[in-house]
Protein backbone atom coordinates (compact mmCIF):
# COMPACT_ATOMS: atom_id res chain seq x y z
CA MET A 1 -25.72 -22.47 10.73
CA GLU A 2 -24.84 -22.68 7.04
CA ILE A 3 -22.86 -25.73 5.89
CA LEU A 4 -20.28 -25.17 3.13
CA SER A 5 -20.01 -27.60 0.26
CA GLU A 6 -16.84 -29.63 -0.22
CA ALA A 7 -15.85 -27.43 -3.18
CA GLU A 8 -16.33 -24.26 -1.10
CA MET A 9 -14.28 -25.73 1.74
CA THR A 10 -11.51 -26.73 -0.68
CA GLY A 11 -11.49 -23.22 -2.17
CA LEU A 12 -11.26 -21.59 1.24
CA PHE A 13 -8.49 -23.97 2.27
CA GLU A 14 -6.49 -23.25 -0.90
CA LEU A 15 -6.93 -19.50 -0.40
CA ALA A 16 -5.76 -19.76 3.23
CA VAL A 17 -2.71 -21.82 2.24
CA ARG A 18 -1.81 -19.36 -0.54
CA ASP A 19 -2.25 -16.36 1.78
CA ALA A 20 -0.17 -18.00 4.50
CA GLY A 21 2.63 -18.81 2.05
CA GLU A 22 2.72 -15.31 0.61
CA THR A 23 2.57 -13.73 4.05
CA GLU A 24 5.45 -15.92 5.24
CA VAL A 25 7.58 -14.92 2.25
CA GLU A 26 6.80 -11.23 2.80
CA THR A 27 7.67 -11.51 6.49
CA ARG A 28 10.95 -13.32 5.81
CA SER A 29 12.02 -10.87 3.13
CA GLY A 30 11.53 -7.88 5.44
CA GLY A 31 11.26 -5.62 2.39
CA MET A 32 8.49 -3.23 1.49
CA THR A 33 5.91 -4.52 -0.97
CA GLY A 34 3.36 -2.86 -3.22
CA ARG A 35 0.75 -3.90 -0.68
CA ASP A 36 2.68 -2.11 2.06
CA VAL A 37 2.73 1.08 -0.02
CA LEU A 38 -0.98 0.77 -0.74
CA VAL A 39 -1.73 0.45 2.99
CA LEU A 40 0.58 3.38 3.82
CA LEU A 41 -1.10 5.58 1.23
CA LYS A 42 -4.56 4.71 2.53
CA VAL A 43 -3.45 5.79 6.01
CA ALA A 44 -1.90 8.92 4.48
CA ALA A 45 -5.16 9.66 2.66
CA GLY A 46 -6.91 10.01 6.00
CA TRP A 47 -7.82 6.51 7.19
CA ARG A 48 -8.67 6.57 10.89
CA GLY A 49 -10.35 3.20 11.49
CA GLY A 50 -8.93 -0.07 12.73
CA ALA A 51 -6.82 -2.60 10.85
CA ALA A 52 -9.72 -4.97 10.16
CA GLU A 53 -11.80 -2.20 8.58
CA LEU A 54 -8.75 -1.02 6.64
CA ALA A 55 -8.29 -4.53 5.27
CA ARG A 56 -11.93 -4.71 4.15
CA GLU A 57 -11.73 -1.25 2.59
CA LEU A 58 -8.66 -2.24 0.55
CA GLY A 59 -9.84 -5.76 -0.28
CA LEU A 60 -6.94 -7.38 1.59
CA THR A 61 -6.77 -9.96 4.34
CA ALA A 62 -6.47 -8.70 7.90
CA ALA A 63 -3.18 -10.60 8.32
CA ARG A 64 -1.62 -8.95 5.27
CA THR A 65 -2.83 -5.53 6.34
CA CYS A 66 -1.41 -5.96 9.86
CA LEU A 67 1.92 -7.08 8.41
CA ALA A 68 1.98 -4.07 6.09
CA LEU A 69 1.27 -1.72 9.01
CA GLU A 70 4.01 -3.36 11.08
CA ARG A 71 6.57 -3.11 8.26
CA GLY A 72 5.66 0.55 7.83
CA ARG A 73 6.23 1.15 11.54
CA ARG A 74 9.45 -0.85 11.59
CA VAL A 75 11.06 1.14 8.77
CA GLY A 76 9.93 4.48 10.21
CA LEU A 77 7.13 5.38 7.80
CA LEU A 78 4.36 5.07 10.41
CA ASP A 79 4.24 6.23 14.02
CA ALA A 80 4.42 3.74 16.90
CA ASP A 81 0.61 3.36 16.97
CA LYS A 82 0.53 2.73 13.18
CA ARG A 83 -2.07 5.44 12.75
CA LEU A 84 -0.13 8.36 11.23
CA VAL A 85 2.40 8.46 8.43
CA GLN A 86 5.75 10.08 9.14
CA ARG A 87 5.37 12.72 6.41
CA GLU A 88 9.03 13.62 5.82
CA ALA A 89 10.15 9.99 5.87
CA LEU A 90 7.39 8.94 3.46
CA VAL A 91 8.22 11.71 1.00
CA GLU A 92 11.92 10.83 1.18
CA PHE A 93 11.22 7.13 0.62
CA PHE A 94 8.95 7.86 -2.32
CA ALA A 95 11.29 10.40 -3.89
CA HIS A 96 14.47 8.35 -3.58
CA GLY A 97 13.61 4.71 -2.95
CA LEU A 98 10.28 3.77 -4.46
CA ARG A 99 11.59 3.33 -8.01
CA PHE A 100 14.22 0.89 -6.72
CA THR A 101 11.93 -0.97 -4.33
CA LEU A 102 8.91 -1.19 -6.68
CA PRO A 103 10.09 -0.38 -10.20
CA ALA A 104 7.36 0.46 -12.68
CA ASP A 105 6.20 -2.24 -15.03
CA VAL A 106 5.01 -0.26 -18.04
CA ARG A 107 2.77 -2.23 -20.40
CA GLY A 108 1.18 -0.70 -23.45
CA GLY A 109 1.99 2.81 -22.25
CA ARG A 110 0.33 2.23 -18.85
CA THR A 111 2.02 1.58 -15.54
CA ALA A 112 0.93 -1.72 -13.99
CA PRO A 113 -0.46 -1.22 -10.47
CA MET A 114 2.01 -1.83 -7.65
CA ASP A 115 -0.54 -4.18 -6.09
CA PRO A 116 -3.56 -5.91 -7.66
CA ALA A 117 -5.88 -4.35 -5.06
CA ALA A 118 -4.75 -0.78 -5.81
CA SER A 119 -7.08 -0.01 -8.72
CA ALA A 120 -10.23 -1.17 -6.96
CA ALA A 121 -9.24 0.57 -3.71
CA ALA A 122 -8.70 3.87 -5.52
CA GLU A 123 -12.08 3.81 -7.29
CA GLY A 124 -14.03 5.06 -4.30
CA ASP A 125 -11.29 7.16 -2.73
CA GLU A 126 -10.18 10.26 -4.62
CA ARG A 127 -7.36 11.04 -2.17
CA LEU A 128 -5.94 7.53 -2.40
CA GLY A 129 -6.17 7.62 -6.19
CA ALA A 130 -4.22 10.88 -6.35
CA LEU A 131 -1.52 9.52 -4.02
CA LEU A 132 -1.24 6.33 -6.09
CA ASP A 133 -0.84 8.44 -9.23
CA LEU A 134 2.01 10.36 -7.57
CA ALA A 135 3.60 7.07 -6.54
CA ASP A 136 3.45 5.84 -10.14
CA ILE A 137 5.18 9.00 -11.35
CA MET A 138 7.95 8.41 -8.82
CA ARG A 139 8.24 4.78 -9.92
CA ARG A 140 8.53 5.38 -13.67
CA ASP A 141 9.39 8.96 -14.66
CA GLY A 142 12.58 10.99 -14.86
CA PRO A 143 14.26 13.12 -12.17
CA ARG A 144 12.36 16.33 -12.93
CA GLU A 145 8.96 14.62 -12.81
CA ARG A 146 9.89 12.68 -9.66
CA ALA A 147 10.95 15.90 -7.92
CA ALA A 148 7.67 17.62 -8.86
CA ALA A 149 5.69 14.58 -7.69
CA ALA A 150 7.59 14.54 -4.38
CA ARG A 151 6.73 18.23 -3.83
CA GLU A 152 3.08 17.51 -4.59
CA LEU A 153 3.09 14.50 -2.26
CA ALA A 154 4.52 16.67 0.54
CA ARG A 155 1.91 19.36 -0.16
CA ARG A 156 -0.96 16.87 -0.09
CA LEU A 157 0.27 15.20 3.10
CA SER A 158 0.51 18.62 4.77
CA ALA A 159 -2.99 19.44 3.60
CA TYR A 160 -4.21 16.18 5.13
CA SER A 161 -2.69 17.44 8.45
CA PHE A 162 -0.35 14.57 9.26
CA SER A 163 2.85 14.76 11.25
């Protein structure tokens, strides 16, 4: 059995305390977060594994991923088993609510990611990257661009065969 140094133990403890505090705030707020949207889009892009594997794939903690899945189910964007996105509801939320829930933070002509883990998660997943790009359009652009992005999101979700 490997023994951790005092510095490693302190670092793990600080990380756990920070994660617990952020998770508690997210749970109390009840609102959707960038992390929730990232998890929803990964499911929409075809994820079929369990929550623990999903967390590892996205670089998130299992607790945060489970909370994101539960919030998605609670607001009607995921089915009861938290395995399939509700396509029409997701498109409606993205087209009409995403820019108010997660407004774009544009810096130097680029939209800041809605969650720090988004860029790394999209690197190895072309589908997820495309869905995140559509989400960014709906967060920052005008009505015409948002409408076109919503149509493309609906088309892609249909192509991915989700109900």
